Amino acid sequence: MQLSFVDISEKGKIHTFLNPYSYLLLRNNTELLRAFDNVLVDGQLMVRFLSIFGIANVQRKSFDMTSLAPIVFGNAELTREKVFLVGTTPDAIEVAVVKLKHEYPKLNIVGYHHGYLDKEEDAKDVINSINSLAANTVIVGMGAPRQERFLLKLKKTGWQGTGFTCGGFFHQTSTKINYYPKWIDKFNLRWAYRIYDEPKLFTRYFILYPWAICLMILDFKIKKNK
């Protein structure tokens, strides 16, 4: 596991992202993170937190249209990668696919599926589809830790493609291709915009985020004293 800036164009790697909320969810499942080739830092808050604890030269890398998504889709267009998308609701993923194809006309989306894979058999069926279609770029937005577990299950089948988790990206894209207004992105107010757009996230940002930061400080101190 590498927690840093990486070349996401490198083929055959799986990547996931860490923010305070996903840290809270994955804190007791660190084996999932260790199984990934790269863990990228999602959000300015995490970047600042890490710099306080001496981890410098880490940049914010999120799977959205203000960060990595245009690079990933642009590269996939140029190299004619076979792309498979997994995530969000059945209706939202269809709308997201239409919007992505409109934005990237040459993007070769060979398949997609919603992210509500409640049964083990459902996940296996989607994984079989990915392998049978020979998709070599897979993007999964099911929320942590489900999206991480899905990519690892896919990799265990012998799949050798490039994978990314993407959280709520498909849900956001089904609303609009450029979810964040430019001025929101410029002033790093993406968190505030998400609360405005989805008020249910208030608890995540104002209760769970502070709690996660407290746990991160505790974990850093425990690790330092070992």
Protein backbone atom coordinates (compact mmCIF):
# COMPACT_ATOMS: atom_id res chain seq x y z
CA MET A 1 0.00 0.00 0.00
CA GLN A 2 1.35 3.41 -0.97
CA LEU A 3 -0.10 6.60 0.50
CA SER A 4 1.19 9.24 -1.87
CA PHE A 5 0.99 10.74 -5.34
CA VAL A 6 1.13 7.98 -7.95
CA ASP A 7 0.93 7.63 -11.70
CA ILE A 8 -2.65 6.44 -12.10
CA SER A 9 -2.04 5.72 -15.80
CA GLU A 10 0.06 2.70 -14.80
CA LYS A 11 -1.80 -0.39 -15.94
CA GLY A 12 -2.80 -3.37 -13.85
CA LYS A 13 -3.09 -1.56 -10.51
CA ILE A 14 -6.04 -1.10 -8.19
CA HIS A 15 -6.54 2.22 -6.43
CA THR A 16 -8.75 3.40 -3.61
CA PHE A 17 -9.16 6.66 -1.72
CA LEU A 18 -9.05 7.64 1.93
CA ASN A 19 -10.91 10.48 3.63
CA PRO A 20 -11.94 10.83 7.30
CA TYR A 21 -15.25 9.04 6.72
CA SER A 22 -13.74 6.08 4.88
CA TYR A 23 -10.98 5.95 7.50
CA LEU A 24 -13.69 5.52 10.11
CA LEU A 25 -15.26 2.69 8.11
CA LEU A 26 -11.97 0.98 7.23
CA ARG A 27 -10.09 1.55 10.48
CA ASN A 28 -10.74 -2.01 11.63
CA ASN A 29 -10.35 -3.42 8.12
CA THR A 30 -6.82 -2.29 7.34
CA GLU A 31 -6.17 -5.55 5.50
CA LEU A 32 -8.43 -4.22 2.74
CA LEU A 33 -6.27 -1.13 2.31
CA ARG A 34 -3.04 -3.13 2.40
CA ALA A 35 -4.30 -5.25 -0.49
CA PHE A 36 -4.54 -2.19 -2.76
CA ASP A 37 -1.60 -1.05 -4.84
CA ASN A 38 -2.25 2.59 -3.98
CA VAL A 39 -4.32 4.48 -1.44
CA LEU A 40 -4.85 8.09 -2.51
CA VAL A 41 -5.71 11.00 -0.24
CA ASP A 42 -9.25 12.24 -0.84
CA GLY A 43 -9.83 15.81 0.37
CA GLN A 44 -7.87 18.81 1.56
CA LEU A 45 -8.65 18.02 5.19
CA MET A 46 -6.73 14.75 4.94
CA VAL A 47 -3.84 16.46 3.14
CA ARG A 48 -3.54 19.04 5.94
CA PHE A 49 -3.88 16.43 8.65
CA LEU A 50 -1.10 14.31 7.17
CA SER A 51 1.19 17.34 6.79
CA ILE A 52 0.76 18.12 10.51
CA PHE A 53 2.04 14.63 11.29
CA GLY A 54 5.04 14.98 9.01
CA ILE A 55 3.70 13.29 5.89
CA ALA A 56 4.47 15.91 3.28
CA ASN A 57 4.25 16.06 -0.53
CA VAL A 58 0.84 14.39 -0.54
CA GLN A 59 -1.68 15.87 -2.93
CA ARG A 60 -5.46 15.65 -2.93
CA LYS A 61 -6.59 13.03 -5.42
CA SER A 62 -10.31 12.31 -5.62
CA PHE A 63 -12.34 10.41 -8.16
CA ASP A 64 -14.44 13.30 -9.39
CA MET A 65 -14.41 15.74 -12.28
CA THR A 66 -12.26 18.23 -10.35
CA SER A 67 -9.44 15.72 -9.96
CA LEU A 68 -8.75 12.25 -11.40
CA ALA A 69 -11.93 11.34 -13.30
CA PRO A 70 -11.14 13.42 -16.43
CA ILE A 71 -7.64 11.93 -16.54
CA VAL A 72 -8.90 8.36 -16.21
CA PHE A 73 -11.67 8.76 -18.79
CA GLY A 74 -9.45 10.76 -21.14
CA ASN A 75 -6.76 8.08 -21.07
CA ALA A 76 -9.39 5.37 -21.55
CA GLU A 77 -10.66 7.18 -24.64
CA LEU A 78 -7.21 7.51 -26.16
CA THR A 79 -6.20 3.91 -25.55
CA ARG A 80 -9.66 2.42 -26.24
CA GLU A 81 -9.80 0.72 -22.89
CA LYS A 82 -12.81 -1.48 -22.22
CA VAL A 83 -14.53 0.23 -19.31
CA PHE A 84 -17.02 -1.32 -16.88
CA LEU A 85 -18.86 0.78 -14.28
CA VAL A 86 -20.44 -0.47 -11.05
CA GLY A 87 -22.35 1.65 -8.59
CA THR A 88 -25.31 3.76 -7.42
CA THR A 89 -28.97 2.89 -8.18
CA PRO A 90 -30.24 1.21 -11.36
CA ASP A 91 -31.73 4.47 -12.65
CA ALA A 92 -28.80 6.69 -11.67
CA ILE A 93 -26.13 4.49 -13.26
CA GLU A 94 -27.98 4.56 -16.59
CA VAL A 95 -28.17 8.37 -16.50
CA ALA A 96 -24.51 8.61 -15.48
CA VAL A 97 -23.49 6.40 -18.41
CA VAL A 98 -25.41 8.61 -20.86
CA LYS A 99 -23.76 11.75 -19.47
CA LEU A 100 -20.29 10.21 -19.55
CA LYS A 101 -20.72 9.04 -23.14
CA HIS A 102 -21.86 12.53 -24.12
CA GLU A 103 -18.79 14.07 -22.45
CA TYR A 104 -16.43 11.39 -23.78
CA PRO A 105 -17.88 10.21 -27.13
CA LYS A 106 -15.08 7.69 -27.74
CA LEU A 107 -15.25 6.18 -24.26
CA ASN A 108 -15.75 2.44 -24.70
CA ILE A 109 -18.12 1.51 -21.88
CA VAL A 110 -18.63 -2.21 -22.47
CA GLY A 111 -20.91 -2.69 -19.49
CA TYR A 112 -22.34 -1.29 -16.30
CA HIS A 113 -24.36 -2.40 -13.29
CA HIS A 114 -25.92 -0.79 -10.27
CA GLY A 115 -24.17 -1.14 -6.94
CA TYR A 116 -26.88 -2.83 -4.91
CA LEU A 117 -25.33 -6.28 -4.92
CA ASP A 118 -26.97 -7.57 -1.76
CA LYS A 119 -26.28 -11.24 -2.39
CA GLU A 120 -22.93 -12.92 -2.98
CA GLU A 121 -24.33 -14.40 -6.18
CA ASP A 122 -25.12 -10.91 -7.48
CA ALA A 123 -21.50 -9.81 -7.06
CA LYS A 124 -20.27 -13.00 -8.72
CA ASP A 125 -22.56 -12.42 -11.70
CA VAL A 126 -21.19 -8.90 -12.21
CA ILE A 127 -17.60 -10.12 -11.82
CA ASN A 128 -18.28 -12.85 -14.39
CA SER A 129 -19.64 -10.19 -16.76
CA ILE A 130 -16.51 -8.07 -16.31
CA ASN A 131 -14.28 -11.02 -17.10
CA SER A 132 -16.36 -12.27 -20.01
CA LEU A 133 -16.38 -8.78 -21.57
CA ALA A 134 -12.61 -8.53 -21.02
CA ALA A 135 -13.03 -5.14 -19.37
CA ASN A 136 -9.63 -3.78 -18.43
CA THR A 137 -10.72 -0.64 -16.56
CA VAL A 138 -13.27 -1.03 -13.79
CA ILE A 139 -14.63 1.81 -11.67
CA VAL A 140 -16.66 0.93 -8.59
CA GLY A 141 -18.80 3.30 -6.53
CA MET A 142 -20.52 1.33 -3.78
CA GLY A 143 -19.21 3.11 -0.70
CA ALA A 144 -16.53 1.83 1.68
CA PRO A 145 -15.84 -0.95 2.44
CA ARG A 146 -18.12 -2.64 -0.11
CA GLN A 147 -16.38 -1.12 -3.13
CA GLU A 148 -12.95 -2.18 -1.87
CA ARG A 149 -14.14 -5.73 -1.23
CA PHE A 150 -15.68 -5.92 -4.69
CA LEU A 151 -12.47 -4.90 -6.45
CA LEU A 152 -10.45 -7.36 -4.39
CA LYS A 153 -12.88 -10.18 -5.21
CA LEU A 154 -12.53 -9.27 -8.88
CA LYS A 155 -8.75 -9.33 -8.66
CA LYS A 156 -8.79 -12.74 -6.96
CA THR A 157 -10.46 -14.20 -10.06
CA GLY A 158 -7.26 -13.48 -11.99
CA TRP A 159 -8.44 -10.19 -13.49
CA GLN A 160 -5.38 -8.07 -14.33
CA GLY A 161 -6.94 -4.74 -15.25
CA THR A 162 -6.88 -1.30 -13.65
CA GLY A 163 -9.44 -0.56 -10.97
CA PHE A 164 -10.63 2.50 -9.08
CA THR A 165 -13.11 3.01 -6.30
CA CYS A 166 -15.15 6.19 -6.72
CA GLY A 167 -17.60 6.56 -3.82
CA GLY A 168 -20.58 8.72 -4.84
CA PHE A 169 -19.20 9.77 -8.22
CA PHE A 170 -21.85 8.04 -10.33
CA HIS A 171 -24.64 9.43 -8.16
CA GLN A 172 -23.21 12.93 -8.58
CA THR A 173 -22.69 12.47 -12.31
CA SER A 174 -26.30 11.41 -12.78
CA THR A 175 -27.19 14.92 -11.58
CA LYS A 176 -24.69 16.78 -13.77
CA ILE A 177 -21.38 15.94 -15.42
CA ASN A 178 -19.57 18.74 -13.58
CA TYR A 179 -21.12 18.30 -10.18
CA TYR A 180 -19.18 21.06 -8.40
CA PRO A 181 -19.47 24.68 -9.58
CA LYS A 182 -16.08 26.14 -10.51
CA TRP A 183 -16.02 28.66 -7.66
CA ILE A 184 -16.83 25.91 -5.15
CA ASP A 185 -13.86 23.90 -6.38
CA LYS A 186 -11.58 26.97 -6.46
CA PHE A 187 -12.16 27.71 -2.78
CA ASN A 188 -12.13 24.05 -1.70
CA LEU A 189 -15.76 24.20 -0.58
CA ARG A 190 -16.76 20.85 -2.10
CA TRP A 191 -17.76 19.54 1.34
CA ALA A 192 -20.12 22.49 1.86
CA TYR A 193 -21.67 22.02 -1.57
CA ARG A 194 -22.31 18.35 -0.86
CA ILE A 195 -24.15 19.26 2.35
CA TYR A 196 -26.17 21.86 0.42
CA ASP A 197 -27.04 19.29 -2.26
CA GLU A 198 -27.51 16.38 0.16
CA PRO A 199 -28.49 17.66 3.64
CA LYS A 200 -28.34 14.10 5.00
CA LEU A 201 -24.54 14.42 4.83
CA PHE A 202 -24.52 17.02 7.61
CA THR A 203 -24.00 14.29 10.21
CA ARG A 204 -21.07 12.85 8.27
CA TYR A 205 -19.21 16.14 8.03
CA PHE A 206 -19.97 17.66 11.42
CA ILE A 207 -20.11 14.59 13.67
CA LEU A 208 -18.38 11.63 11.99
CA TYR A 209 -15.51 13.63 10.46
CA PRO A 210 -14.44 15.16 13.82
CA TRP A 211 -14.71 11.74 15.45
CA ALA A 212 -12.59 10.22 12.69
CA ILE A 213 -9.94 12.93 13.12
CA CYS A 214 -9.79 12.18 16.85
CA LEU A 215 -9.29 8.49 16.09
CA MET A 216 -6.58 9.27 13.54
CA ILE A 217 -4.70 11.36 16.09
CA LEU A 218 -5.02 8.54 18.61
CA ASP A 219 -3.84 5.96 16.09
CA PHE A 220 -0.88 8.09 15.03
CA LYS A 221 0.19 8.54 18.65
CA ILE A 222 -0.14 4.84 19.41
CA LYS A 223 1.88 3.93 16.32
CA LYS A 224 4.54 6.54 17.17
CA ASN A 225 4.96 5.19 20.70
CA LYS A 226 5.40 1.58 19.62
